[in-house]
Protein backbone atom coordinates (compact mmCIF):
# COMPACT_ATOMS: atom_id res chain seq x y z
CA MET A 1 -4.42 36.93 -52.92
CA THR A 2 -0.98 36.15 -51.50
CA SER A 3 0.57 33.01 -52.97
CA THR A 4 2.14 30.30 -50.80
CA PRO A 5 5.94 30.67 -50.72
CA SER A 6 7.94 27.90 -52.40
CA VAL A 7 11.38 26.35 -52.00
CA HIS A 8 12.58 28.62 -54.83
CA ASP A 9 11.35 31.72 -52.99
CA VAL A 10 13.34 30.70 -49.92
CA ALA A 11 16.39 29.96 -52.08
CA ILE A 12 16.27 33.45 -53.62
CA ARG A 13 15.83 35.11 -50.21
CA ALA A 14 18.73 33.10 -48.68
CA ASN A 15 20.90 33.39 -51.79
CA VAL A 16 21.38 29.63 -52.06
CA SER A 17 20.22 26.92 -54.46
CA ALA A 18 16.85 25.19 -54.14
CA SER A 19 18.64 21.89 -53.43
CA THR A 20 20.45 23.52 -50.51
CA VAL A 21 17.11 24.65 -49.08
CA SER A 22 15.82 21.10 -49.40
CA ARG A 23 18.89 19.65 -47.69
CA ALA A 24 18.66 22.22 -44.89
CA PHE A 25 15.28 20.71 -43.95
CA THR A 26 15.73 17.04 -44.85
CA ARG A 27 19.46 16.42 -44.32
CA PRO A 28 20.67 19.30 -42.10
CA GLU A 29 23.91 17.46 -41.27
CA LEU A 30 25.01 18.04 -44.90
CA VAL A 31 24.64 21.83 -44.67
CA SER A 32 26.94 24.17 -42.76
CA GLU A 33 25.46 25.78 -39.67
CA LYS A 34 25.87 29.26 -41.14
CA THR A 35 24.03 28.36 -44.36
CA ARG A 36 21.35 26.42 -42.51
CA ASN A 37 20.65 29.38 -40.23
CA ARG A 38 20.36 31.65 -43.27
CA VAL A 39 17.85 29.27 -44.88
CA LEU A 40 15.82 28.99 -41.67
CA GLN A 41 15.77 32.77 -41.29
CA ALA A 42 14.56 33.21 -44.87
CA ALA A 43 11.90 30.53 -44.36
CA SER A 44 10.71 32.28 -41.21
CA GLU A 45 10.48 35.66 -42.94
CA LEU A 46 8.42 34.12 -45.75
CA ASN A 47 6.25 31.95 -43.43
CA PHE A 48 7.47 28.92 -45.36
CA SER A 49 7.04 25.41 -43.99
CA VAL A 50 7.93 22.01 -45.40
CA SER A 51 5.10 19.49 -45.45
CA ARG A 52 5.65 16.02 -44.05
CA SER A 53 4.91 14.43 -47.43
CA SER A 54 7.31 16.78 -49.16
CA MET A 55 10.07 15.95 -46.71
CA ALA A 56 9.39 12.25 -47.12
CA LEU A 57 9.66 12.45 -50.89
CA LYS A 58 12.89 14.39 -50.78
CA SER A 59 14.59 12.38 -48.03
CA GLY A 60 13.31 8.90 -48.82
CA GLN A 61 12.03 8.66 -45.23
CA SER A 62 8.47 8.30 -44.00
CA PHE A 63 9.12 10.03 -40.65
CA ARG A 64 7.03 7.26 -39.12
CA ILE A 65 8.01 4.69 -36.49
CA ALA A 66 6.02 1.44 -36.31
CA LEU A 67 5.27 0.26 -32.77
CA LEU A 68 3.85 -3.27 -32.59
CA LEU A 69 1.72 -3.81 -29.47
CA ASN A 70 -0.08 -6.89 -28.21
CA THR A 71 -1.80 -4.93 -25.43
CA PRO A 72 -3.47 -1.49 -25.42
CA VAL A 73 -1.13 1.49 -25.17
CA THR A 74 -3.10 2.46 -22.06
CA THR A 75 -1.58 -0.42 -20.06
CA TRP A 76 1.19 0.52 -17.64
CA PHE A 77 3.96 -1.20 -19.61
CA GLY A 78 2.78 -0.12 -23.07
CA GLY A 79 2.09 3.44 -21.95
CA ASN A 80 5.54 3.83 -20.42
CA ILE A 81 7.24 2.39 -23.50
CA PHE A 82 5.32 4.85 -25.68
CA GLU A 83 6.22 7.82 -23.44
CA GLY A 84 9.91 6.93 -23.54
CA LEU A 85 9.88 6.60 -27.32
CA ASP A 86 7.88 9.78 -27.85
CA MET A 87 10.28 11.83 -25.69
CA VAL A 88 12.90 11.27 -28.39
CA PHE A 89 10.97 10.81 -31.65
CA HIS A 90 8.48 13.67 -31.33
CA PRO A 91 11.09 16.46 -31.04
CA ALA A 92 12.95 14.87 -33.97
CA GLY A 93 9.84 15.14 -36.18
CA TYR A 94 8.76 11.48 -36.18
CA ASP A 95 5.28 10.10 -35.61
CA ILE A 96 4.72 6.78 -33.83
CA SER A 97 2.11 4.54 -35.46
CA ILE A 98 0.70 1.72 -33.33
CA TYR A 99 0.00 -1.63 -34.99
CA PRO A 100 -2.07 -4.07 -32.88
CA ILE A 101 -0.62 -7.59 -33.03
CA ASN A 102 -2.98 -10.22 -31.64
CA ASN A 103 -1.44 -13.44 -32.91
CA VAL A 104 1.21 -14.95 -35.17
CA LYS A 105 -0.88 -14.29 -38.29
CA SER A 106 -1.31 -10.56 -37.65
CA ARG A 107 2.40 -10.32 -36.92
CA ALA A 108 3.26 -12.12 -40.17
CA ASP A 109 0.82 -9.92 -42.11
CA PHE A 110 2.59 -6.79 -40.85
CA PHE A 111 5.99 -8.01 -42.00
CA ASP A 112 4.53 -9.09 -45.36
CA VAL A 113 2.96 -5.68 -46.06
CA LEU A 114 5.68 -3.36 -44.75
CA PRO A 115 8.29 -4.11 -47.46
CA ALA A 116 5.81 -3.21 -50.20
CA ARG A 117 4.63 0.00 -48.56
CA ARG A 118 7.96 1.05 -47.04
CA ASN A 119 5.98 3.29 -44.70
CA ALA A 120 8.14 3.09 -41.57
CA ASP A 121 11.71 4.14 -40.86
CA ALA A 122 12.05 1.74 -37.92
CA VAL A 123 10.06 -1.02 -36.23
CA ILE A 124 9.82 -1.54 -32.46
CA VAL A 125 8.57 -4.74 -30.84
CA PRO A 126 7.95 -4.75 -27.06
CA SER A 127 7.64 -7.99 -25.07
CA PHE A 128 6.93 -10.63 -27.73
CA ASN A 129 9.36 -12.26 -30.13
CA VAL A 130 9.32 -11.97 -33.90
CA ASP A 131 10.37 -14.70 -36.27
CA SER A 132 14.07 -14.37 -37.13
CA ARG A 133 13.18 -14.40 -40.84
CA GLU A 134 10.81 -11.47 -40.33
CA ALA A 135 13.51 -9.43 -38.61
CA ALA A 136 16.09 -10.38 -41.25
CA ARG A 137 13.71 -9.21 -43.97
CA LEU A 138 13.72 -5.70 -42.51
CA LYS A 139 17.49 -5.69 -42.44
CA THR A 140 17.60 -6.24 -46.19
CA MET A 141 15.46 -3.09 -46.52
CA ASN A 142 17.80 -1.14 -44.21
CA VAL A 143 14.91 -0.66 -41.78
CA PRO A 144 16.22 -1.07 -38.22
CA ILE A 145 14.20 -3.20 -35.82
CA ALA A 146 14.33 -2.91 -32.04
CA GLY A 147 13.22 -5.36 -29.39
CA ILE A 148 12.20 -4.11 -25.95
CA ASN A 149 12.08 -6.93 -23.42
CA THR A 150 11.92 -9.59 -26.09
CA VAL A 151 13.32 -13.00 -25.22
CA SER A 152 15.78 -13.04 -28.11
CA ASN A 153 17.92 -10.33 -29.72
CA GLU A 154 18.51 -12.40 -32.85
CA ASN A 155 18.54 -10.17 -35.96
CA MET A 156 17.63 -7.13 -33.83
CA SER A 157 19.36 -3.85 -34.68
CA VAL A 158 18.75 -2.58 -31.14
CA TRP A 159 17.70 -4.54 -28.06
CA ALA A 160 16.84 -3.49 -24.50
CA ALA A 161 15.62 -5.95 -21.91
CA ILE A 162 15.56 -7.00 -18.29
CA ASP A 163 16.36 -10.42 -16.88
CA ASP A 164 12.82 -11.56 -16.08
CA ALA A 165 13.96 -14.84 -14.56
CA HIS A 166 16.34 -13.05 -12.20
CA GLY A 167 13.48 -10.84 -11.01
CA LEU A 168 11.47 -13.88 -9.91
CA ARG A 169 14.51 -15.41 -8.27
CA LEU A 170 14.82 -12.26 -6.15
CA ILE A 171 11.16 -12.51 -5.13
CA VAL A 172 11.34 -16.19 -4.17
CA ARG A 173 14.58 -15.71 -2.23
CA HIS A 174 12.91 -12.89 -0.31
CA LEU A 175 9.91 -15.08 0.54
CA ALA A 176 12.16 -18.02 1.43
CA SER A 177 14.14 -15.75 3.77
CA LEU A 178 10.83 -15.04 5.54
CA ARG A 179 10.44 -18.84 5.90
CA HIS A 180 7.63 -19.34 3.40
CA ARG A 181 7.45 -22.95 2.20
CA ARG A 182 4.14 -22.94 0.30
CA ILE A 183 4.45 -20.45 -2.53
CA THR A 184 2.13 -20.35 -5.56
CA TYR A 185 3.05 -18.56 -8.77
CA VAL A 186 0.02 -17.02 -10.55
CA CYS A 187 0.53 -16.28 -14.25
CA ARG A 188 -1.10 -15.93 -17.62
CA ASP A 189 -1.02 -18.85 -20.06
CA PRO A 190 2.65 -19.34 -21.09
CA GLN A 191 1.55 -21.45 -24.07
CA SER A 192 0.46 -18.39 -26.06
CA LEU A 193 1.29 -18.60 -29.77
CA LEU A 194 3.28 -15.39 -29.34
CA THR A 195 6.37 -15.89 -27.18
CA PHE A 196 6.48 -13.28 -24.40
CA SER A 197 9.44 -12.37 -22.22
CA ALA A 198 7.26 -12.67 -19.10
CA ALA A 199 7.18 -16.43 -19.70
CA GLN A 200 10.82 -16.45 -18.55
CA ARG A 201 9.59 -15.58 -15.06
CA ILE A 202 8.28 -19.14 -14.67
CA ARG A 203 11.83 -20.40 -15.17
CA GLY A 204 13.11 -18.01 -12.51
CA PHE A 205 10.38 -19.13 -10.11
CA LYS A 206 11.18 -22.82 -10.63
CA ASP A 207 14.94 -22.28 -10.32
CA ALA A 208 14.61 -20.35 -7.06
CA CYS A 209 12.16 -22.87 -5.59
CA ALA A 210 14.55 -25.71 -6.42
CA GLN A 211 17.44 -23.87 -4.76
CA ALA A 212 15.33 -23.31 -1.63
CA HIS A 213 13.98 -26.91 -1.69
CA ILE A 214 10.43 -25.61 -2.09
CA LYS A 215 7.81 -27.27 -4.30
CA ASP A 216 7.09 -25.05 -7.31
CA ASP A 217 3.33 -24.61 -7.49
CA ILE A 218 2.04 -22.80 -10.59
CA LEU A 219 -1.54 -21.59 -11.14
CA VAL A 220 -2.38 -20.50 -14.69
CA ILE A 221 -5.12 -17.87 -15.00
CA PRO A 222 -7.95 -19.21 -17.18
CA ASP A 223 -9.24 -17.21 -20.12
CA GLY A 224 -12.60 -15.48 -19.81
CA ASP A 225 -14.37 -12.55 -18.21
CA ASP A 226 -14.42 -14.22 -14.78
CA SER A 227 -10.71 -15.10 -14.80
CA LEU A 228 -10.00 -13.19 -11.57
CA GLN A 229 -12.83 -14.90 -9.69
CA SER A 230 -11.77 -18.31 -11.03
CA THR A 231 -8.18 -17.69 -9.92
CA PHE A 232 -9.35 -16.53 -6.49
CA ASN A 233 -11.57 -19.62 -6.10
CA ALA A 234 -8.69 -21.92 -7.03
CA LEU A 235 -6.39 -20.28 -4.47
CA ILE A 236 -8.75 -20.38 -1.49
CA ASN A 237 -9.70 -24.00 -2.24
CA MET A 238 -6.10 -25.21 -2.18
CA GLN A 239 -5.44 -27.64 0.67
CA PRO A 240 -3.40 -26.36 2.35
CA MET A 241 -3.57 -22.79 1.09
CA PRO A 242 -0.28 -21.17 0.07
CA THR A 243 1.29 -18.81 2.57
CA ALA A 244 2.55 -16.60 -0.27
CA ILE A 245 1.41 -15.76 -3.79
CA CYS A 246 3.86 -14.61 -6.47
CA CYS A 247 2.09 -12.84 -9.33
CA GLN A 248 3.47 -12.50 -12.85
CA GLU A 249 2.74 -8.77 -12.78
CA ASP A 250 1.30 -6.03 -10.58
CA GLY A 251 -1.78 -6.03 -12.82
CA ILE A 252 -2.60 -9.49 -11.45
CA ALA A 253 -1.43 -8.93 -7.87
CA ILE A 254 -3.41 -5.77 -7.13
CA PRO A 255 -6.94 -6.96 -8.07
CA LEU A 256 -6.23 -10.34 -6.49
CA MET A 257 -5.05 -8.64 -3.31
CA CYS A 258 -8.27 -6.61 -3.17
CA ARG A 259 -10.35 -9.77 -3.64
CA LEU A 260 -8.49 -11.62 -0.88
CA ARG A 261 -9.08 -8.73 1.51
CA GLU A 262 -12.78 -8.62 0.60
CA PHE A 263 -12.89 -12.31 1.55
CA GLY A 264 -11.55 -11.40 4.98
CA LEU A 265 -7.91 -12.45 4.66
CA LYS A 266 -5.28 -10.18 6.15
CA ILE A 267 -2.27 -9.25 4.02
CA PRO A 268 0.42 -10.07 5.02
CA GLY A 269 -0.95 -11.56 8.27
CA ASP A 270 -2.79 -14.47 6.64
CA ILE A 271 -1.08 -14.50 3.27
CA SER A 272 1.76 -12.62 1.55
CA ILE A 273 1.52 -11.42 -2.04
CA THR A 274 4.04 -10.01 -4.53
CA GLY A 275 3.92 -8.44 -7.97
CA PHE A 276 6.29 -7.56 -10.79
CA ASP A 277 6.69 -4.11 -12.45
CA ASP A 278 6.31 -1.51 -9.67
CA GLY A 279 3.58 0.08 -11.73
CA THR A 280 0.52 2.21 -11.05
CA TYR A 281 -0.70 2.10 -7.41
CA SER A 282 1.97 -0.40 -6.32
CA GLN A 283 3.59 2.08 -3.96
CA GLU A 284 0.27 3.41 -2.66
CA LEU A 285 -0.94 -0.12 -1.88
CA GLY A 286 2.36 -1.17 -0.30
CA LEU A 287 2.94 -4.00 -2.79
CA THR A 288 6.24 -5.86 -2.59
CA THR A 289 7.34 -6.14 -6.20
CA ILE A 290 10.13 -6.06 -8.77
CA ARG A 291 10.87 -2.68 -10.27
CA GLN A 292 11.57 -2.30 -13.98
CA GLN A 293 11.78 0.91 -16.01
CA PRO A 294 10.10 0.59 -19.43
CA ARG A 295 10.09 4.37 -19.98
CA LEU A 296 13.89 4.42 -19.71
CA MET A 297 14.22 1.45 -22.05
CA GLY A 298 11.93 3.14 -24.58
CA HIS A 299 13.90 6.39 -24.38
CA ASP A 300 17.26 4.65 -24.87
CA VAL A 301 16.00 2.51 -27.75
CA ALA A 302 14.60 5.60 -29.51
CA GLU A 303 17.93 7.42 -29.25
CA LYS A 304 19.79 4.46 -30.75
CA LEU A 305 17.24 4.00 -33.55
CA LEU A 306 17.44 7.69 -34.40
CA ASP A 307 21.20 7.34 -34.76
CA LEU A 308 20.78 4.32 -37.05
CA ILE A 309 18.18 6.13 -39.16
CA ASN A 310 20.68 8.97 -39.56
CA HIS A 311 23.43 6.49 -40.57
CA LYS A 312 25.40 6.86 -37.34
CA THR A 313 27.21 4.07 -35.51
CA ILE A 314 25.96 3.08 -32.05
CA SER A 315 28.34 1.73 -29.43
CA GLU A 316 25.99 -0.48 -27.40
CA PRO A 317 23.16 -1.90 -29.53
CA TYR A 318 22.22 -4.55 -26.94
CA ARG A 319 21.74 -3.76 -23.26
CA THR A 320 20.30 -5.62 -20.27
CA TYR A 321 18.80 -3.34 -17.62
CA PRO A 322 18.86 -4.14 -13.89
CA VAL A 323 15.77 -5.06 -11.89
CA GLU A 324 15.28 -4.18 -8.24
CA LEU A 325 13.42 -5.93 -5.43
CA VAL A 326 11.18 -3.38 -3.70
CA ILE A 327 10.09 -4.69 -0.29
CA ARG A 328 6.93 -3.08 1.07
CA SER A 329 4.12 -4.16 3.37
CA THR A 330 2.50 -7.13 1.60
CA THR A 331 5.11 -9.70 2.66
CA ALA A 332 5.91 -11.02 6.14
CA THR A 333 6.79 -14.23 7.97
CA PRO A 334 3.88 -16.70 7.80
CA ARG A 335 2.02 -17.59 10.98
CA ASP A 336 2.51 -21.35 10.61
CA VAL A 337 6.31 -21.39 10.33
CA ASP A 338 6.57 -23.95 13.10
CA GLU A 339 4.22 -26.43 11.40
């Protein structure tokens, strides 16, 4: 029976030391290109491969990236973040492990356990904030932490975000330019124990309404399985009804738009509606919305984290990405502008 080739077999074939073979796989930047190619050729001829656990032991790395998510990775935002990260980490030999974070306790538990296990080379937090002490704790371990669309960049090694408030200001200014005066903002509960960046959109809505001398009317979506129906009922029972609805995200706007049409309302003839994200089906349904690019943010964050993991200096650790107003067919001048 043929035995499995070892590091020493590769070293003999390549005429180098066993430690050089190890470095060629785990720290290639420390080995000359000529020597590294000779080692790789020898490894190929012997059908030798380095196991993930072996590489981890030799390099002190886990080759694992921890991604903390409050929503399923199948959501538009989470899925795009994951794709952007994976485009960089997968070719570099890193796995992305998803850790569901449902509340402050589960977030605290993660940061309590990680230092003992040391089983991640970087931590990525999309959308919700972490406690500054939790982030600082990772820094003492030399584990970089990245925030994607978190409100604060305090103690973050890398940070990528949009200006959520500015996005809502663009939406309200657009509606005000169409002469809407009764605008309702529909959002999820901003009093969540986890602080989300999307909560900043309320501030943008209020600021823009104040500038346009429009009353800021906010409708919070109730918890529960019938939340969409409850929100719809609240909207159609408003006296008078709003002429425009601003939704916190496309994921609220699209099902609400469908429900309004089922009720017999014409969009934008009877009521205008806007979203935020420019996600799945937004273009097909003609939704006026704010475009953001989570895949790009994920990709850029991954590149910077990879540099930090490899002890390289990054020139722009913090970056704010632009948002864009995309005007489609769900907004128009209201019928009662002369009232």
